[in-house]
Amino acid sequence: MNDVTAPPRLGLTPWQTVGPFFHYALPWEGGENLVREGVQGERIVVRGRVLDADGAPIPDALVEIWQANAAGRYDHPEDCQADRPIDPAFIGFGRCPTDDDGMFAFHTVRPGQVPGPGNSMQAPHIALGLFGRGLLRRLVTRIYFPESEGNAVDPILGLVEPDRVGTLMATREGEQDGMPVYRFDIHIQGANETVFFDV
C-alpha cells in the first residue's frame, strides 16, 4: 500500500547558463573613461580581448577595472593615506562591455604604487574583474606594466608561478592621440589562461 502522506519526489532542476545580460544591465554610458579634464598623471589606454579556451572572442562579457590614481591613492573611504592626494578629475572605477570581436578599451591614468601586505609596496597595477556567460561568479585578475619599478618585489606577483607572470603583464602597443596604448588579452581557459585570484 502506498503512503499517501509522503511528499512527492521531484526531479532535479536543469542547470541554466547565466546571462547574457551584461550589455544592458550593468554598463553605463562613458563607463570606459576614468579621466576628466585636468586629470593628474600620465593618461594611458588599456585595451584587449576576452578569449575562450580555443582563442575565440567572447562578445558579451563585461570587464570592470578599479585602481589607484597617479599618486597611488584610491578614492575610497578605507584609503586613509593623507599624504597622497585624491584627484577629483579621476574616477577609479570603470566598466566596458566587449564588442563582437571580444574587444574592450579603457581610458585611464598610469596608477601609482600602493601599500601592500606588511610594510611592502605593490607595483603599479590595475585590478580587473570579468563577468561573462556561464560564469557563476566573476573572475578577478590584475594588469601590471612590464617597465614598472617594483614588479620584482611586488608581494602579489611573488605568489604567481614565474612562468605564468607574463599573463598579468600588459604589452605596449604604441600611442593613440599622444597616449601610450597597452594591450591586455584575457584568456579564460586554455594553454594561455590568465592568472585569476580568489577574493
C-alpha atoms as a PDB file:
ATOM      1  CA  MET A   1       0.000   0.000   0.000  1.00  0.00           C
ATOM      2  CA  ASN A   2       1.307   3.470  -0.916  1.00  0.00           C
ATOM      3  CA  ASP A   3       1.846   6.082   1.792  1.00  0.00           C
ATOM      4  CA  VAL A   4      -0.320   8.980   0.623  1.00  0.00           C
ATOM      5  CA  THR A   5       1.190  11.287   3.247  1.00  0.00           C
ATOM      6  CA  ALA A   6       4.728  11.109   1.783  1.00  0.00           C
ATOM      7  CA  PRO A   7       5.700  14.208  -0.247  1.00  0.00           C
ATOM      8  CA  PRO A   8       6.096  13.649  -3.979  1.00  0.00           C
ATOM      9  CA  ARG A   9       9.645  13.176  -5.275  1.00  0.00           C
ATOM     10  CA  LEU A  10      10.712  15.848  -7.701  1.00  0.00           C
ATOM     11  CA  GLY A  11      13.428  15.599 -10.315  1.00  0.00           C
ATOM     12  CA  LEU A  12      16.472  17.847 -10.412  1.00  0.00           C
ATOM     13  CA  THR A  13      16.066  21.297 -11.900  1.00  0.00           C
ATOM     14  CA  PRO A  14      18.225  21.547 -15.052  1.00  0.00           C
ATOM     15  CA  TRP A  15      21.272  23.835 -14.980  1.00  0.00           C
ATOM     16  CA  GLN A  16      20.946  27.080 -16.871  1.00  0.00           C
ATOM     17  CA  THR A  17      23.676  29.317 -18.213  1.00  0.00           C
ATOM     18  CA  VAL A  18      23.874  32.731 -16.577  1.00  0.00           C
ATOM     19  CA  GLY A  19      23.116  35.599 -18.937  1.00  0.00           C
ATOM     20  CA  PRO A  20      23.759  37.010 -21.393  1.00  0.00           C
ATOM     21  CA  PHE A  21      22.585  40.197 -19.702  1.00  0.00           C
ATOM     22  CA  PHE A  22      25.762  42.193 -19.260  1.00  0.00           C
ATOM     23  CA  HIS A  23      25.378  44.600 -22.183  1.00  0.00           C
ATOM     24  CA  TYR A  24      22.208  46.195 -20.888  1.00  0.00           C
ATOM     25  CA  ALA A  25      22.121  45.536 -17.141  1.00  0.00           C
ATOM     26  CA  LEU A  26      25.495  46.700 -15.811  1.00  0.00           C
ATOM     27  CA  PRO A  27      27.390  49.137 -18.085  1.00  0.00           C
ATOM     28  CA  TRP A  28      26.723  52.858 -18.198  1.00  0.00           C
ATOM     29  CA  GLU A  29      27.469  55.442 -20.854  1.00  0.00           C
ATOM     30  CA  GLY A  30      31.075  56.558 -20.592  1.00  0.00           C
ATOM     31  CA  GLY A  31      31.950  53.771 -18.150  1.00  0.00           C
ATOM     32  CA  GLU A  32      35.142  53.052 -20.048  1.00  0.00           C
ATOM     33  CA  ASN A  33      36.508  56.573 -19.442  1.00  0.00           C
ATOM     34  CA  LEU A  34      38.008  57.087 -15.976  1.00  0.00           C
ATOM     35  CA  VAL A  35      39.505  60.521 -16.657  1.00  0.00           C
ATOM     36  CA  ARG A  36      38.140  64.053 -16.796  1.00  0.00           C
ATOM     37  CA  GLU A  37      39.677  67.317 -17.919  1.00  0.00           C
ATOM     38  CA  GLY A  38      42.672  68.233 -15.767  1.00  0.00           C
ATOM     39  CA  VAL A  39      43.424  64.719 -14.537  1.00  0.00           C
ATOM     40  CA  GLN A  40      46.799  64.317 -12.825  1.00  0.00           C
ATOM     41  CA  GLY A  41      49.380  61.851 -14.088  1.00  0.00           C
ATOM     42  CA  GLU A  42      50.068  60.132 -17.388  1.00  0.00           C
ATOM     43  CA  ARG A  43      46.966  59.268 -19.372  1.00  0.00           C
ATOM     44  CA  ILE A  44      47.011  55.804 -20.940  1.00  0.00           C
ATOM     45  CA  VAL A  45      44.746  53.489 -22.921  1.00  0.00           C
ATOM     46  CA  VAL A  46      44.347  49.849 -21.891  1.00  0.00           C
ATOM     47  CA  ARG A  47      42.636  47.594 -24.404  1.00  0.00           C
ATOM     48  CA  GLY A  48      42.389  43.924 -25.188  1.00  0.00           C
ATOM     49  CA  ARG A  49      40.172  40.969 -25.985  1.00  0.00           C
ATOM     50  CA  VAL A  50      38.389  38.387 -23.887  1.00  0.00           C
ATOM     51  CA  LEU A  51      39.045  34.941 -25.378  1.00  0.00           C
ATOM     52  CA  ASP A  52      37.838  31.405 -24.676  1.00  0.00           C
ATOM     53  CA  ALA A  53      39.939  28.238 -24.473  1.00  0.00           C
ATOM     54  CA  ASP A  54      40.087  27.973 -28.289  1.00  0.00           C
ATOM     55  CA  GLY A  55      41.137  31.606 -28.729  1.00  0.00           C
ATOM     56  CA  ALA A  56      37.699  32.642 -29.978  1.00  0.00           C
ATOM     57  CA  PRO A  57      36.371  36.046 -28.860  1.00  0.00           C
ATOM     58  CA  ILE A  58      33.704  36.296 -26.177  1.00  0.00           C
ATOM     59  CA  PRO A  59      31.354  39.041 -27.420  1.00  0.00           C
ATOM     60  CA  ASP A  60      29.035  39.502 -24.441  1.00  0.00           C
ATOM     61  CA  ALA A  61      31.403  39.738 -21.477  1.00  0.00           C
ATOM     62  CA  LEU A  62      31.743  42.702 -19.146  1.00  0.00           C
ATOM     63  CA  VAL A  63      35.134  43.952 -17.979  1.00  0.00           C
ATOM     64  CA  GLU A  64      35.443  46.213 -14.955  1.00  0.00           C
ATOM     65  CA  ILE A  65      38.556  47.837 -13.553  1.00  0.00           C
ATOM     66  CA  TRP A  66      39.399  49.661 -10.362  1.00  0.00           C
ATOM     67  CA  GLN A  67      42.697  51.289  -9.493  1.00  0.00           C
ATOM     68  CA  ALA A  68      44.572  53.926  -7.551  1.00  0.00           C
ATOM     69  CA  ASN A  69      45.209  57.336  -9.076  1.00  0.00           C
ATOM     70  CA  ALA A  70      48.608  58.524 -10.295  1.00  0.00           C
ATOM     71  CA  ALA A  71      49.636  59.375  -6.723  1.00  0.00           C
ATOM     72  CA  GLY A  72      48.851  55.864  -5.513  1.00  0.00           C
ATOM     73  CA  ARG A  73      45.636  56.652  -3.656  1.00  0.00           C
ATOM     74  CA  TYR A  74      42.205  55.076  -4.053  1.00  0.00           C
ATOM     75  CA  ASP A  75      39.161  57.335  -3.958  1.00  0.00           C
ATOM     76  CA  HIS A  76      37.664  55.207  -1.208  1.00  0.00           C
ATOM     77  CA  PRO A  77      36.983  55.875   2.491  1.00  0.00           C
ATOM     78  CA  GLU A  78      39.220  52.986   3.557  1.00  0.00           C
ATOM     79  CA  ASP A  79      42.266  54.550   1.876  1.00  0.00           C
ATOM     80  CA  CYS A  80      43.474  56.933   4.580  1.00  0.00           C
ATOM     81  CA  GLN A  81      46.836  57.911   3.066  1.00  0.00           C
ATOM     82  CA  ALA A  82      46.563  61.580   3.997  1.00  0.00           C
ATOM     83  CA  ASP A  83      49.947  62.318   2.403  1.00  0.00           C
ATOM     84  CA  ARG A  84      48.632  61.303  -1.034  1.00  0.00           C
ATOM     85  CA  PRO A  85      46.024  63.492  -2.738  1.00  0.00           C
ATOM     86  CA  ILE A  86      42.656  62.460  -4.122  1.00  0.00           C
ATOM     87  CA  ASP A  87      42.310  63.583  -7.736  1.00  0.00           C
ATOM     88  CA  PRO A  88      38.788  64.964  -8.344  1.00  0.00           C
ATOM     89  CA  ALA A  89      39.316  64.531 -12.114  1.00  0.00           C
ATOM     90  CA  PHE A  90      39.889  60.786 -11.808  1.00  0.00           C
ATOM     91  CA  ILE A  91      37.274  58.071 -11.339  1.00  0.00           C
ATOM     92  CA  GLY A  92      38.945  54.927 -10.037  1.00  0.00           C
ATOM     93  CA  PHE A  93      36.327  52.509 -11.360  1.00  0.00           C
ATOM     94  CA  GLY A  94      35.059  51.701 -14.850  1.00  0.00           C
ATOM     95  CA  ARG A  95      33.075  49.144 -16.830  1.00  0.00           C
ATOM     96  CA  CYS A  96      33.184  48.221 -20.505  1.00  0.00           C
ATOM     97  CA  PRO A  97      31.261  45.504 -22.358  1.00  0.00           C
ATOM     98  CA  THR A  98      33.107  43.552 -25.016  1.00  0.00           C
ATOM     99  CA  ASP A  99      32.120  44.051 -28.645  1.00  0.00           C
ATOM    100  CA  ASP A 100      31.502  41.396 -31.303  1.00  0.00           C
ATOM    101  CA  ASP A 101      35.257  40.755 -31.519  1.00  0.00           C
ATOM    102  CA  GLY A 102      35.613  40.412 -27.732  1.00  0.00           C
ATOM    103  CA  MET A 103      37.324  43.826 -27.530  1.00  0.00           C
ATOM    104  CA  PHE A 104      37.262  46.262 -24.620  1.00  0.00           C
ATOM    105  CA  ALA A 105      39.136  49.540 -24.026  1.00  0.00           C
ATOM    106  CA  PHE A 106      39.615  51.934 -21.106  1.00  0.00           C
ATOM    107  CA  HIS A 107      40.961  55.490 -20.922  1.00  0.00           C
ATOM    108  CA  THR A 108      42.684  55.893 -17.586  1.00  0.00           C
ATOM    109  CA  VAL A 109      45.942  57.007 -15.947  1.00  0.00           C
ATOM    110  CA  ARG A 110      49.064  55.076 -15.068  1.00  0.00           C
ATOM    111  CA  PRO A 111      48.483  54.136 -11.418  1.00  0.00           C
ATOM    112  CA  GLY A 112      50.939  54.857  -8.638  1.00  0.00           C
ATOM    113  CA  GLN A 113      52.305  52.332  -6.176  1.00  0.00           C
ATOM    114  CA  VAL A 114      50.060  51.390  -3.268  1.00  0.00           C
ATOM    115  CA  PRO A 115      50.796  49.811   0.122  1.00  0.00           C
ATOM    116  CA  GLY A 116      50.744  46.030   0.288  1.00  0.00           C
ATOM    117  CA  PRO A 117      50.800  43.376   2.991  1.00  0.00           C
ATOM    118  CA  GLY A 118      53.003  44.260   5.944  1.00  0.00           C
ATOM    119  CA  ASN A 119      55.235  47.189   5.097  1.00  0.00           C
ATOM    120  CA  SER A 120      55.605  46.262   1.421  1.00  0.00           C
ATOM    121  CA  MET A 121      54.727  48.375  -1.587  1.00  0.00           C
ATOM    122  CA  GLN A 122      52.842  46.943  -4.529  1.00  0.00           C
ATOM    123  CA  ALA A 123      53.927  47.686  -8.071  1.00  0.00           C
ATOM    124  CA  PRO A 124      51.584  49.882 -10.137  1.00  0.00           C
ATOM    125  CA  HIS A 125      48.669  47.744 -11.267  1.00  0.00           C
ATOM    126  CA  ILE A 126      45.015  47.801 -12.268  1.00  0.00           C
ATOM    127  CA  ALA A 127      42.599  45.320 -10.693  1.00  0.00           C
ATOM    128  CA  LEU A 128      40.255  43.719 -13.206  1.00  0.00           C
ATOM    129  CA  GLY A 129      37.005  41.801 -12.846  1.00  0.00           C
ATOM    130  CA  LEU A 130      35.378  39.777 -15.608  1.00  0.00           C
ATOM    131  CA  PHE A 131      31.735  38.757 -15.897  1.00  0.00           C
ATOM    132  CA  GLY A 132      30.576  36.505 -18.700  1.00  0.00           C
ATOM    133  CA  ARG A 133      28.147  33.910 -19.927  1.00  0.00           C
ATOM    134  CA  GLY A 134      28.447  30.681 -17.962  1.00  0.00           C
ATOM    135  CA  LEU A 135      30.494  32.272 -15.171  1.00  0.00           C
ATOM    136  CA  LEU A 136      28.647  31.863 -11.882  1.00  0.00           C
ATOM    137  CA  ARG A 137      30.982  34.361 -10.230  1.00  0.00           C
ATOM    138  CA  ARG A 138      33.296  37.000 -11.595  1.00  0.00           C
ATOM    139  CA  LEU A 139      36.920  36.262 -12.382  1.00  0.00           C
ATOM    140  CA  VAL A 140      39.461  38.616 -10.810  1.00  0.00           C
ATOM    141  CA  THR A 141      42.954  39.360 -12.053  1.00  0.00           C
ATOM    142  CA  ARG A 142      45.440  42.235 -12.297  1.00  0.00           C
ATOM    143  CA  ILE A 143      47.135  44.198 -15.051  1.00  0.00           C
ATOM    144  CA  TYR A 144      50.795  45.061 -14.468  1.00  0.00           C
ATOM    145  CA  PHE A 145      53.120  47.116 -16.650  1.00  0.00           C
ATOM    146  CA  PRO A 146      56.419  45.450 -17.614  1.00  0.00           C
ATOM    147  CA  GLU A 147      58.524  48.604 -17.263  1.00  0.00           C
ATOM    148  CA  SER A 148      57.286  49.470 -13.759  1.00  0.00           C
ATOM    149  CA  GLU A 149      59.652  49.676 -10.846  1.00  0.00           C
ATOM    150  CA  GLY A 150      58.631  47.309  -8.098  1.00  0.00           C
ATOM    151  CA  ASN A 151      57.462  44.379 -10.222  1.00  0.00           C
ATOM    152  CA  ALA A 152      60.331  42.215  -8.966  1.00  0.00           C
ATOM    153  CA  VAL A 153      59.348  42.712  -5.309  1.00  0.00           C
ATOM    154  CA  ASP A 154      55.572  43.013  -5.655  1.00  0.00           C
ATOM    155  CA  PRO A 155      54.095  40.723  -2.963  1.00  0.00           C
ATOM    156  CA  ILE A 156      51.183  39.580  -5.142  1.00  0.00           C
ATOM    157  CA  LEU A 157      53.283  38.887  -8.239  1.00  0.00           C
ATOM    158  CA  GLY A 158      55.577  36.929  -5.922  1.00  0.00           C
ATOM    159  CA  LEU A 159      52.736  34.448  -5.327  1.00  0.00           C
ATOM    160  CA  VAL A 160      52.467  33.641  -9.042  1.00  0.00           C
ATOM    161  CA  GLU A 161      54.474  30.873 -10.697  1.00  0.00           C
ATOM    162  CA  PRO A 162      57.278  32.572 -12.666  1.00  0.00           C
ATOM    163  CA  ASP A 163      56.230  31.047 -15.993  1.00  0.00           C
ATOM    164  CA  ARG A 164      52.712  32.481 -15.566  1.00  0.00           C
ATOM    165  CA  VAL A 165      53.635  36.044 -14.543  1.00  0.00           C
ATOM    166  CA  GLY A 166      53.528  37.037 -18.205  1.00  0.00           C
ATOM    167  CA  THR A 167      49.755  36.510 -18.266  1.00  0.00           C
ATOM    168  CA  LEU A 168      49.469  39.515 -15.926  1.00  0.00           C
ATOM    169  CA  MET A 169      51.684  41.855 -17.957  1.00  0.00           C
ATOM    170  CA  ALA A 170      50.279  44.342 -20.438  1.00  0.00           C
ATOM    171  CA  THR A 171      52.190  44.882 -23.678  1.00  0.00           C
ATOM    172  CA  ARG A 172      52.997  48.354 -25.017  1.00  0.00           C
ATOM    173  CA  GLU A 173      51.308  48.734 -28.426  1.00  0.00           C
ATOM    174  CA  GLY A 174      52.223  52.259 -29.433  1.00  0.00           C
ATOM    175  CA  GLU A 175      50.294  55.505 -28.998  1.00  0.00           C
ATOM    176  CA  GLN A 176      46.823  56.906 -29.544  1.00  0.00           C
ATOM    177  CA  ASP A 177      46.370  60.685 -29.517  1.00  0.00           C
ATOM    178  CA  GLY A 178      49.714  61.001 -27.728  1.00  0.00           C
ATOM    179  CA  MET A 179      48.791  58.467 -25.020  1.00  0.00           C
ATOM    180  CA  PRO A 180      50.612  55.144 -24.531  1.00  0.00           C
ATOM    181  CA  VAL A 181      48.434  52.177 -25.503  1.00  0.00           C
ATOM    182  CA  TYR A 182      48.732  48.895 -23.629  1.00  0.00           C
ATOM    183  CA  ARG A 183      47.322  45.554 -24.770  1.00  0.00           C
ATOM    184  CA  PHE A 184      45.975  43.056 -22.237  1.00  0.00           C
ATOM    185  CA  ASP A 185      44.170  39.995 -23.557  1.00  0.00           C
ATOM    186  CA  ILE A 186      42.238  37.845 -21.104  1.00  0.00           C
ATOM    187  CA  HIS A 187      42.211  34.093 -21.730  1.00  0.00           C
ATOM    188  CA  ILE A 188      39.620  32.471 -19.514  1.00  0.00           C
ATOM    189  CA  GLN A 189      40.921  28.931 -20.169  1.00  0.00           C
ATOM    190  CA  GLY A 190      43.452  27.015 -22.223  1.00  0.00           C
ATOM    191  CA  ALA A 191      47.223  26.970 -22.546  1.00  0.00           C
ATOM    192  CA  ASN A 192      47.488  30.764 -22.173  1.00  0.00           C
ATOM    193  CA  GLU A 193      44.956  31.050 -19.341  1.00  0.00           C
ATOM    194  CA  THR A 194      45.277  34.312 -17.433  1.00  0.00           C
ATOM    195  CA  VAL A 195      46.104  34.007 -13.742  1.00  0.00           C
ATOM    196  CA  PHE A 196      42.950  34.616 -11.705  1.00  0.00           C
ATOM    197  CA  PHE A 197      42.869  35.289  -7.974  1.00  0.00           C
ATOM    198  CA  ASP A 198      40.481  34.109  -5.275  1.00  0.00           C
ATOM    199  CA  VAL A 199      38.864  37.044  -3.482  1.00  0.00           C
END
